[in-house]
């Protein structure tokens, strides 16, 4: 919900919002990270060997793919060309074969992504960009809560104990 201040000034609030070019420069790396995160989720879905977890992650992925599209729309609306991810291959993302390792690696990747989104929300983006970022944050938080729940069932492997 937009604040009264945002509605009155119909920009990113009082003060100068990021320029269209700055928006493109800030959102494209976020799109790249989201696509990479999606590949990691897809890897776990294909590899985990637990139908319940795979099914739930696939439900999250449907929303995550839409979120990437919304971020791309922000870039296009700002007059830029959105990062497409064509330079990434699913085989570039290997989270191991141990289910516990996969879950904990995915959990850490989701935490890193959420931090990037939160960092963006500290900036003076335009209202529409903030709305999309807030939605992306909400969805990341939902995935993170689920992954934390799953991670409790899988002890953190010793190979990841120092990370």
Protein backbone atom coordinates (compact mmCIF):
# COMPACT_ATOMS: atom_id res chain seq x y z
CA UNK A 1 0.00 0.00 0.00
CA UNK A 2 1.40 3.36 -0.99
CA UNK A 3 1.74 5.98 1.69
CA UNK A 4 -0.04 9.30 1.42
CA UNK A 5 3.31 10.98 0.71
CA UNK A 6 3.93 8.60 -2.22
CA UNK A 7 0.44 9.15 -3.63
CA UNK A 8 0.74 12.94 -3.40
CA UNK A 9 4.11 13.11 -5.11
CA UNK A 10 3.33 10.18 -7.44
CA UNK A 11 6.99 9.22 -7.73
CA UNK A 12 9.18 7.36 -5.31
CA UNK A 13 8.28 9.64 -2.44
CA UNK A 14 9.67 13.05 -1.58
CA UNK A 15 13.06 13.58 -3.08
CA UNK A 16 14.60 12.38 -6.26
CA UNK A 17 13.86 8.83 -7.38
CA UNK A 18 16.44 6.78 -9.20
CA UNK A 19 16.65 7.65 -12.88
CA UNK A 20 15.39 5.26 -15.51
CA UNK A 21 18.99 4.34 -16.36
CA UNK A 22 19.83 3.74 -12.70
CA UNK A 23 16.74 1.54 -12.42
CA UNK A 24 17.93 -0.58 -15.34
CA UNK A 25 21.45 -0.78 -13.89
CA UNK A 26 20.13 -1.85 -10.46
CA UNK A 27 17.34 -4.25 -11.47
CA UNK A 28 19.18 -6.21 -14.17
CA UNK A 29 21.68 -7.73 -11.70
CA UNK A 30 18.74 -8.66 -9.48
CA UNK A 31 17.09 -10.41 -12.44
CA UNK A 32 20.35 -12.28 -13.05
CA UNK A 33 20.49 -13.42 -9.42
CA UNK A 34 16.83 -14.44 -9.47
CA UNK A 35 17.31 -16.53 -12.62
CA UNK A 36 20.37 -18.19 -11.04
CA UNK A 37 18.33 -18.88 -7.90
CA UNK A 38 15.54 -20.35 -10.03
CA UNK A 39 18.05 -22.70 -11.67
CA UNK A 40 19.14 -23.82 -8.21
CA UNK A 41 15.54 -24.46 -7.20
CA UNK A 42 15.02 -26.40 -10.44
CA UNK A 43 18.12 -28.50 -9.68
CA UNK A 44 16.74 -29.47 -6.28
CA UNK A 45 13.31 -30.23 -7.78
CA UNK A 46 14.93 -32.60 -10.31
CA UNK A 47 17.39 -34.19 -7.89
CA UNK A 48 16.08 -34.25 -4.32
CA UNK A 49 14.25 -37.59 -4.55
CA UNK A 50 11.49 -36.41 -2.22
CA UNK A 51 8.23 -35.91 -4.13
CA UNK A 52 6.63 -33.75 -1.43
CA UNK A 53 9.54 -31.29 -1.34
CA UNK A 54 9.85 -31.26 -5.14
CA UNK A 55 6.15 -30.56 -5.56
CA UNK A 56 6.16 -27.69 -3.06
CA UNK A 57 9.28 -26.16 -4.60
CA UNK A 58 7.67 -26.41 -8.03
CA UNK A 59 4.68 -24.44 -6.73
CA UNK A 60 7.07 -21.74 -5.52
CA UNK A 61 8.86 -21.81 -8.88
CA UNK A 62 5.71 -20.94 -10.80
CA UNK A 63 5.52 -17.72 -8.78
CA UNK A 64 9.28 -17.10 -8.97
CA UNK A 65 9.24 -17.26 -12.77
CA UNK A 66 6.46 -14.68 -12.83
CA UNK A 67 8.52 -12.51 -10.46
CA UNK A 68 11.42 -12.55 -12.93
CA UNK A 69 8.98 -11.40 -15.60
CA UNK A 70 7.76 -8.56 -13.39
CA UNK A 71 11.33 -7.43 -12.75
CA UNK A 72 11.97 -7.56 -16.51
CA UNK A 73 8.88 -5.39 -17.08
CA UNK A 74 10.37 -2.80 -14.71
CA UNK A 75 13.52 -2.72 -16.84
CA UNK A 76 11.55 -2.51 -20.09
CA UNK A 77 9.37 0.27 -18.64
CA UNK A 78 12.54 2.18 -17.80
CA UNK A 79 13.61 1.94 -21.44
CA UNK A 80 16.21 -0.77 -20.91
CA UNK A 81 16.78 -4.29 -22.11
CA UNK A 82 16.15 -6.85 -19.40
CA UNK A 83 18.73 -9.53 -18.65
CA UNK A 84 17.45 -12.76 -20.19
CA UNK A 85 19.60 -15.47 -18.67
CA UNK A 86 20.44 -17.04 -22.02
CA UNK A 87 24.06 -17.36 -20.93
CA UNK A 88 23.05 -19.68 -18.08
CA UNK A 89 22.51 -23.39 -18.50
CA UNK A 90 20.74 -25.65 -16.01
CA UNK A 91 23.89 -27.81 -15.89
CA UNK A 92 25.82 -24.79 -14.55
CA UNK A 93 24.03 -25.27 -11.23
CA UNK A 94 24.97 -28.34 -9.22
CA UNK A 95 24.10 -28.37 -5.54
CA UNK A 96 25.42 -31.87 -4.95
CA UNK A 97 23.73 -35.23 -4.55
CA UNK A 98 23.13 -35.31 -0.82
CA UNK A 99 19.60 -34.04 -0.03
CA UNK A 100 20.77 -32.25 3.13
CA UNK A 101 23.53 -30.51 1.21
CA UNK A 102 21.10 -29.47 -1.53
CA UNK A 103 18.59 -28.04 0.92
CA UNK A 104 21.19 -26.11 2.91
CA UNK A 105 22.86 -24.73 -0.22
CA UNK A 106 19.49 -23.65 -1.57
CA UNK A 107 18.59 -22.11 1.78
CA UNK A 108 21.79 -20.03 1.74
CA UNK A 109 21.20 -18.97 -1.87
CA UNK A 110 17.68 -17.85 -0.97
CA UNK A 111 19.02 -15.88 2.02
CA UNK A 112 21.58 -14.11 -0.20
CA UNK A 113 18.91 -13.26 -2.76
CA UNK A 114 16.55 -11.89 -0.11
CA UNK A 115 19.35 -9.69 1.20
CA UNK A 116 19.88 -8.27 -2.31
CA UNK A 117 16.17 -7.48 -2.58
CA UNK A 118 16.16 -5.85 0.86
CA UNK A 119 19.20 -3.76 -0.13
CA UNK A 120 17.34 -2.52 -3.22
CA UNK A 121 14.32 -1.58 -1.15
CA UNK A 122 16.50 0.82 0.87
CA UNK A 123 17.00 2.92 -2.27
CA UNK A 124 14.66 5.57 -3.59
CA UNK A 125 13.06 3.55 -6.38
CA UNK A 126 9.88 4.72 -8.07
CA UNK A 127 6.60 3.46 -6.58
CA UNK A 128 5.99 0.79 -9.24
CA UNK A 129 9.51 -0.58 -8.84
CA UNK A 130 9.10 -0.63 -5.05
CA UNK A 131 5.81 -2.49 -5.41
CA UNK A 132 7.46 -5.15 -7.58
CA UNK A 133 10.43 -5.41 -5.22
CA UNK A 134 8.11 -5.79 -2.23
CA UNK A 135 6.27 -8.60 -4.00
CA UNK A 136 9.56 -10.31 -4.89
CA UNK A 137 10.65 -9.95 -1.26
CA UNK A 138 7.39 -11.44 0.01
CA UNK A 139 7.76 -14.46 -2.26
CA UNK A 140 11.41 -14.94 -1.31
CA UNK A 141 10.46 -14.80 2.38
CA UNK A 142 7.81 -17.48 1.76
CA UNK A 143 10.36 -19.74 0.04
CA UNK A 144 12.86 -19.06 2.81
CA UNK A 145 10.38 -20.03 5.55
CA UNK A 146 9.63 -23.28 3.75
CA UNK A 147 13.32 -24.06 3.21
CA UNK A 148 14.06 -23.37 6.88
CA UNK A 149 11.31 -25.81 7.82
CA UNK A 150 12.71 -28.47 5.48
CA UNK A 151 16.29 -27.80 6.64
CA UNK A 152 15.27 -28.69 10.20
CA UNK A 153 14.60 -32.24 8.94
CA UNK A 154 18.03 -32.42 7.30
CA UNK A 155 21.05 -31.84 9.56
CA UNK A 156 23.59 -29.51 8.01
CA UNK A 157 26.33 -31.64 6.42
CA UNK A 158 29.83 -31.32 7.86
CA UNK A 159 31.03 -30.17 4.42
CA UNK A 160 28.89 -27.02 4.85
CA UNK A 161 29.46 -26.51 8.58
CA UNK A 162 32.10 -23.80 8.03
CA UNK A 163 30.12 -21.91 5.40
